[in-house]
């Protein structure tokens, strides 16, 4: 499986690469921000994207915004969005998900808790 990883924390990104490659997957690109993620997916055409929600430059919702754009522009690419940081507030991209799941035909974002 061809995978692109978008994570700004270099140590965590390297760990993800190692875990995935040890399981026989091919990490075809590693990037640290949303713009680089969009470019990597356009050039590499991966099967799966693993993206952090908070990335440079504002560390709010760049990864989530990129993931939503990828769902529109590359609907056949599966997207997994992760975050180690709990939300302080909803993002400008919509409700902050406690869990985002994605398959080639859908993105599921649970509603913001009241």
N, C-alpha and C. Protein backbone atom coordinates (compact mmCIF):
# COMPACT_ATOMS: atom_id res chain seq x y z
N UNK A 1 0.85 -1.18 0.00
CA UNK A 1 0.00 0.00 0.00
C UNK A 1 0.89 1.23 0.00
N UNK A 2 0.56 2.19 -0.84
CA UNK A 2 1.31 3.45 -0.92
C UNK A 2 0.67 4.48 0.00
N UNK A 3 1.50 5.09 0.86
CA UNK A 3 0.99 5.97 1.91
C UNK A 3 1.76 7.29 1.91
N UNK A 4 1.02 8.39 2.11
CA UNK A 4 1.61 9.70 2.37
C UNK A 4 1.31 10.06 3.81
N UNK A 5 2.33 10.51 4.53
CA UNK A 5 2.17 10.91 5.93
C UNK A 5 2.37 12.42 6.03
N UNK A 6 1.43 13.10 6.69
CA UNK A 6 1.54 14.53 6.94
C UNK A 6 1.51 14.74 8.46
N UNK A 7 2.65 15.09 9.02
CA UNK A 7 2.79 15.27 10.47
C UNK A 7 3.94 16.24 10.69
N UNK A 8 3.70 17.31 11.45
CA UNK A 8 4.74 18.30 11.65
C UNK A 8 5.77 17.90 12.70
N UNK A 9 5.44 17.01 13.62
CA UNK A 9 6.38 16.55 14.65
C UNK A 9 7.28 15.47 14.03
N UNK A 10 8.54 15.83 13.81
CA UNK A 10 9.47 14.95 13.10
C UNK A 10 9.63 13.58 13.75
N UNK A 11 9.69 13.53 15.06
CA UNK A 11 9.87 12.25 15.75
C UNK A 11 8.65 11.35 15.57
N UNK A 12 7.47 11.91 15.70
CA UNK A 12 6.25 11.13 15.51
C UNK A 12 6.12 10.68 14.05
N UNK A 13 6.46 11.57 13.12
CA UNK A 13 6.41 11.24 11.70
C UNK A 13 7.35 10.08 11.39
N UNK A 14 8.57 10.14 11.92
CA UNK A 14 9.54 9.06 11.70
C UNK A 14 9.04 7.74 12.29
N UNK A 15 8.39 7.81 13.45
CA UNK A 15 7.82 6.61 14.06
C UNK A 15 6.73 5.99 13.21
N UNK A 16 5.85 6.83 12.66
CA UNK A 16 4.80 6.33 11.78
C UNK A 16 5.39 5.66 10.54
N UNK A 17 6.40 6.30 9.96
CA UNK A 17 7.05 5.73 8.78
C UNK A 17 7.61 4.35 9.13
N UNK A 18 8.31 4.26 10.23
CA UNK A 18 8.93 2.99 10.64
C UNK A 18 7.87 1.91 10.86
N UNK A 19 6.81 2.25 11.59
CA UNK A 19 5.74 1.27 11.84
C UNK A 19 5.12 0.77 10.54
N UNK A 20 4.81 1.67 9.65
CA UNK A 20 4.16 1.29 8.40
C UNK A 20 5.09 0.50 7.49
N UNK A 21 6.34 0.94 7.38
CA UNK A 21 7.28 0.21 6.53
C UNK A 21 7.62 -1.16 7.10
N UNK A 22 7.68 -1.28 8.42
CA UNK A 22 7.92 -2.58 9.05
C UNK A 22 6.80 -3.57 8.75
N UNK A 23 5.60 -3.04 8.46
CA UNK A 23 4.46 -3.89 8.12
C UNK A 23 4.34 -4.12 6.62
N UNK A 24 5.32 -3.65 5.86
CA UNK A 24 5.35 -3.92 4.43
C UNK A 24 4.73 -2.86 3.54
N UNK A 25 4.33 -1.73 4.12
CA UNK A 25 3.74 -0.65 3.32
C UNK A 25 4.85 0.26 2.79
N UNK A 26 4.53 1.00 1.73
CA UNK A 26 5.50 1.93 1.16
C UNK A 26 5.06 3.36 1.46
N UNK A 27 5.87 4.07 2.24
CA UNK A 27 5.61 5.49 2.48
C UNK A 27 6.26 6.24 1.34
N UNK A 28 5.43 6.79 0.46
CA UNK A 28 5.95 7.44 -0.74
C UNK A 28 6.24 8.92 -0.53
N UNK A 29 5.76 9.51 0.58
CA UNK A 29 6.08 10.90 0.90
C UNK A 29 5.81 11.16 2.37
N UNK A 30 6.66 12.01 2.95
CA UNK A 30 6.48 12.49 4.32
C UNK A 30 6.53 14.01 4.25
N UNK A 31 5.52 14.66 4.79
CA UNK A 31 5.46 16.12 4.74
C UNK A 31 5.07 16.68 6.10
N UNK A 32 5.26 18.00 6.27
CA UNK A 32 5.02 18.61 7.57
C UNK A 32 3.95 19.69 7.58
N UNK A 33 3.26 19.92 6.45
CA UNK A 33 2.19 20.92 6.44
C UNK A 33 1.14 20.58 5.39
N UNK A 34 0.03 21.27 5.46
CA UNK A 34 -1.11 20.98 4.59
C UNK A 34 -0.85 21.23 3.12
N UNK A 35 -0.15 22.31 2.79
CA UNK A 35 0.15 22.59 1.38
C UNK A 35 1.03 21.51 0.79
N UNK A 36 2.04 21.08 1.54
CA UNK A 36 2.93 20.01 1.06
C UNK A 36 2.16 18.69 0.93
N UNK A 37 1.17 18.47 1.80
CA UNK A 37 0.34 17.28 1.70
C UNK A 37 -0.42 17.26 0.37
N UNK A 38 -1.06 18.37 0.04
CA UNK A 38 -1.81 18.43 -1.21
C UNK A 38 -0.90 18.18 -2.41
N UNK A 39 0.30 18.76 -2.38
CA UNK A 39 1.25 18.58 -3.48
C UNK A 39 1.73 17.13 -3.55
N UNK A 40 2.00 16.53 -2.40
CA UNK A 40 2.49 15.14 -2.38
C UNK A 40 1.44 14.18 -2.92
N UNK A 41 0.19 14.38 -2.55
CA UNK A 41 -0.87 13.50 -3.04
C UNK A 41 -1.05 13.67 -4.55
N UNK A 42 -0.97 14.90 -5.03
CA UNK A 42 -1.10 15.14 -6.47
C UNK A 42 0.02 14.44 -7.26
N UNK A 43 1.22 14.46 -6.72
CA UNK A 43 2.35 13.88 -7.46
C UNK A 43 2.52 12.38 -7.22
N UNK A 44 2.20 11.90 -6.03
CA UNK A 44 2.46 10.50 -5.68
C UNK A 44 1.27 9.57 -5.87
N UNK A 45 0.05 10.10 -5.85
CA UNK A 45 -1.18 9.30 -6.00
C UNK A 45 -1.20 8.10 -5.04
N UNK A 46 -1.15 8.36 -3.72
CA UNK A 46 -1.12 7.25 -2.75
C UNK A 46 -2.49 6.57 -2.62
N UNK A 47 -2.49 5.40 -1.99
CA UNK A 47 -3.73 4.71 -1.65
C UNK A 47 -4.33 5.31 -0.39
N UNK A 48 -3.45 5.74 0.53
CA UNK A 48 -3.87 6.21 1.85
C UNK A 48 -3.07 7.44 2.24
N UNK A 49 -3.74 8.36 2.94
CA UNK A 49 -3.08 9.52 3.56
C UNK A 49 -3.32 9.42 5.06
N UNK A 50 -2.26 9.63 5.84
CA UNK A 50 -2.37 9.76 7.29
C UNK A 50 -1.94 11.18 7.60
N UNK A 51 -2.86 11.98 8.19
CA UNK A 51 -2.58 13.40 8.40
C UNK A 51 -2.91 13.83 9.82
N UNK A 52 -2.07 14.69 10.35
CA UNK A 52 -2.33 15.35 11.63
C UNK A 52 -3.35 16.45 11.38
N UNK A 53 -4.16 16.76 12.38
CA UNK A 53 -5.12 17.85 12.23
C UNK A 53 -4.42 19.20 12.32
N UNK A 54 -3.60 19.37 13.34
CA UNK A 54 -2.93 20.65 13.58
C UNK A 54 -1.53 20.63 12.98
N UNK A 55 -1.33 21.52 11.99
CA UNK A 55 -0.03 21.63 11.35
C UNK A 55 0.27 23.10 11.07
N UNK A 56 1.53 23.41 10.70
CA UNK A 56 1.87 24.80 10.38
C UNK A 56 1.03 25.32 9.22
N UNK A 57 0.83 26.61 9.13
CA UNK A 57 1.49 27.64 9.92
C UNK A 57 0.73 28.04 11.19
N UNK A 58 -0.57 27.79 11.30
CA UNK A 58 -1.33 28.28 12.46
C UNK A 58 -1.55 27.22 13.53
N UNK A 59 -1.30 25.97 13.21
CA UNK A 59 -1.48 24.86 14.15
C UNK A 59 -2.92 24.78 14.68
N UNK A 60 -3.88 25.03 13.80
CA UNK A 60 -5.29 24.90 14.19
C UNK A 60 -5.93 23.75 13.43
N UNK A 61 -6.20 23.93 12.15
CA UNK A 61 -6.94 22.90 11.42
C UNK A 61 -6.42 22.66 10.00
N UNK A 62 -5.16 22.99 9.74
CA UNK A 62 -4.61 22.85 8.39
C UNK A 62 -4.72 21.43 7.86
N UNK A 63 -4.44 20.44 8.71
CA UNK A 63 -4.52 19.04 8.27
C UNK A 63 -5.93 18.62 7.95
N UNK A 64 -6.88 19.07 8.76
CA UNK A 64 -8.28 18.76 8.51
C UNK A 64 -8.76 19.42 7.22
N UNK A 65 -8.38 20.66 7.01
CA UNK A 65 -8.75 21.35 5.77
C UNK A 65 -8.17 20.64 4.55
N UNK A 66 -6.90 20.23 4.67
CA UNK A 66 -6.27 19.50 3.56
C UNK A 66 -6.98 18.18 3.32
N UNK A 67 -7.34 17.48 4.39
CA UNK A 67 -8.05 16.20 4.24
C UNK A 67 -9.39 16.39 3.54
N UNK A 68 -10.11 17.42 3.89
CA UNK A 68 -11.39 17.68 3.24
C UNK A 68 -11.19 18.03 1.77
N UNK A 69 -10.14 18.77 1.46
CA UNK A 69 -9.84 19.09 0.06
C UNK A 69 -9.47 17.83 -0.71
N UNK A 70 -8.71 16.93 -0.08
CA UNK A 70 -8.34 15.67 -0.73
C UNK A 70 -9.56 14.81 -1.01
N UNK A 71 -10.54 14.83 -0.13
CA UNK A 71 -11.77 14.05 -0.36
C UNK A 71 -12.47 14.56 -1.61
N UNK A 72 -12.38 15.88 -1.85
CA UNK A 72 -13.02 16.47 -3.02
C UNK A 72 -12.21 16.19 -4.29
N UNK A 73 -10.89 16.35 -4.21
CA UNK A 73 -10.05 16.27 -5.41
C UNK A 73 -9.51 14.88 -5.71
N UNK A 74 -9.44 14.02 -4.71
CA UNK A 74 -8.92 12.65 -4.87
C UNK A 74 -9.84 11.69 -4.13
N UNK A 75 -11.07 11.53 -4.60
CA UNK A 75 -12.06 10.73 -3.86
C UNK A 75 -11.70 9.26 -3.70
N UNK A 76 -10.78 8.74 -4.48
CA UNK A 76 -10.37 7.35 -4.34
C UNK A 76 -9.29 7.11 -3.31
N UNK A 77 -8.78 8.18 -2.71
CA UNK A 77 -7.72 8.07 -1.71
C UNK A 77 -8.34 8.04 -0.32
N UNK A 78 -8.03 7.01 0.43
CA UNK A 78 -8.51 6.93 1.82
C UNK A 78 -7.72 7.91 2.68
N UNK A 79 -8.38 8.55 3.64
CA UNK A 79 -7.74 9.56 4.49
C UNK A 79 -8.03 9.23 5.95
N UNK A 80 -6.95 9.16 6.74
CA UNK A 80 -7.05 8.98 8.19
C UNK A 80 -6.48 10.23 8.83
N UNK A 81 -7.27 10.91 9.65
CA UNK A 81 -6.84 12.14 10.30
C UNK A 81 -6.65 11.85 11.78
N UNK A 82 -5.48 12.22 12.29
CA UNK A 82 -5.13 11.96 13.68
C UNK A 82 -4.79 13.26 14.40
N UNK A 83 -4.93 13.25 15.72
CA UNK A 83 -4.45 14.37 16.52
C UNK A 83 -4.17 13.89 17.93
N UNK A 84 -3.06 14.32 18.47
CA UNK A 84 -2.72 14.02 19.85
C UNK A 84 -3.20 15.12 20.79
N UNK A 85 -3.65 16.23 20.22
CA UNK A 85 -4.07 17.39 21.02
C UNK A 85 -5.58 17.46 21.11
N UNK A 86 -6.13 17.54 22.33
CA UNK A 86 -7.57 17.74 22.44
C UNK A 86 -7.93 19.15 21.98
N UNK A 87 -9.12 19.33 21.46
CA UNK A 87 -9.49 20.65 20.95
C UNK A 87 -9.75 21.65 22.06
N UNK A 88 -9.37 22.89 21.81
CA UNK A 88 -9.71 23.98 22.72
C UNK A 88 -11.01 24.63 22.28
N UNK A 89 -11.34 24.49 20.99
CA UNK A 89 -12.54 25.10 20.43
C UNK A 89 -12.81 24.44 19.09
N UNK A 90 -14.00 24.62 18.54
CA UNK A 90 -14.24 24.13 17.18
C UNK A 90 -13.33 24.86 16.20
N UNK A 91 -12.97 24.21 15.12
CA UNK A 91 -12.12 24.85 14.12
C UNK A 91 -12.96 25.63 13.14
N UNK A 92 -12.29 26.42 12.33
CA UNK A 92 -13.00 27.18 11.32
C UNK A 92 -13.48 26.28 10.18
N UNK A 93 -12.95 25.04 10.12
CA UNK A 93 -13.37 24.11 9.06
C UNK A 93 -14.68 23.42 9.42
N UNK A 94 -15.20 23.67 10.61
CA UNK A 94 -16.43 23.02 11.03
C UNK A 94 -16.26 22.46 12.42
N UNK A 95 -17.04 21.47 12.76
CA UNK A 95 -16.94 20.87 14.07
C UNK A 95 -15.60 20.16 14.23
N UNK A 96 -15.02 20.28 15.40
CA UNK A 96 -13.78 19.56 15.66
C UNK A 96 -14.14 18.12 15.95
N UNK A 97 -13.61 17.19 15.18
CA UNK A 97 -13.97 15.79 15.39
C UNK A 97 -13.20 15.17 16.54
N UNK A 98 -13.87 14.36 17.34
CA UNK A 98 -13.15 13.55 18.32
C UNK A 98 -12.59 12.34 17.60
N UNK A 99 -13.16 12.03 16.45
CA UNK A 99 -12.68 10.93 15.63
C UNK A 99 -13.17 11.19 14.21
N UNK A 100 -12.26 11.14 13.27
CA UNK A 100 -12.63 11.30 11.87
C UNK A 100 -12.28 10.00 11.16
N UNK A 101 -13.22 9.43 10.48
CA UNK A 101 -12.93 8.24 9.69
C UNK A 101 -13.27 8.54 8.25
N UNK A 102 -12.58 7.88 7.37
CA UNK A 102 -12.78 8.15 5.96
C UNK A 102 -12.60 6.89 5.15
N UNK A 103 -13.41 6.73 4.17
CA UNK A 103 -13.30 5.65 3.20
C UNK A 103 -13.41 6.32 1.84
N UNK A 104 -13.11 5.59 0.76
CA UNK A 104 -13.18 6.25 -0.55
C UNK A 104 -14.52 6.90 -0.87
N UNK A 105 -15.60 6.48 -0.22
CA UNK A 105 -16.90 7.04 -0.55
C UNK A 105 -17.50 7.96 0.51
N UNK A 106 -16.75 8.23 1.61
CA UNK A 106 -17.35 9.08 2.65
C UNK A 106 -16.30 9.59 3.64
N UNK A 107 -16.64 10.66 4.35
CA UNK A 107 -15.89 11.14 5.50
C UNK A 107 -16.89 11.27 6.62
N UNK A 108 -16.60 10.67 7.77
CA UNK A 108 -17.50 10.75 8.92
C UNK A 108 -16.86 11.61 9.99
N UNK A 109 -17.56 12.68 10.35
CA UNK A 109 -17.06 13.60 11.37
C UNK A 109 -18.14 13.71 12.44
N UNK A 110 -17.89 13.18 13.65
CA UNK A 110 -18.89 13.29 14.70
C UNK A 110 -19.16 14.75 15.05
N UNK A 111 -20.34 15.09 15.51
CA UNK A 111 -20.64 16.49 15.84
C UNK A 111 -19.86 16.94 17.08
N UNK A 112 -19.67 18.25 17.15
CA UNK A 112 -19.01 18.85 18.31
C UNK A 112 -19.88 18.61 19.54
N UNK A 113 -19.29 18.10 20.65
CA UNK A 113 -20.11 17.83 21.84
C UNK A 113 -20.65 19.13 22.44
N UNK A 114 -21.88 19.07 22.96
CA UNK A 114 -22.47 20.29 23.54
C UNK A 114 -22.16 20.40 25.01
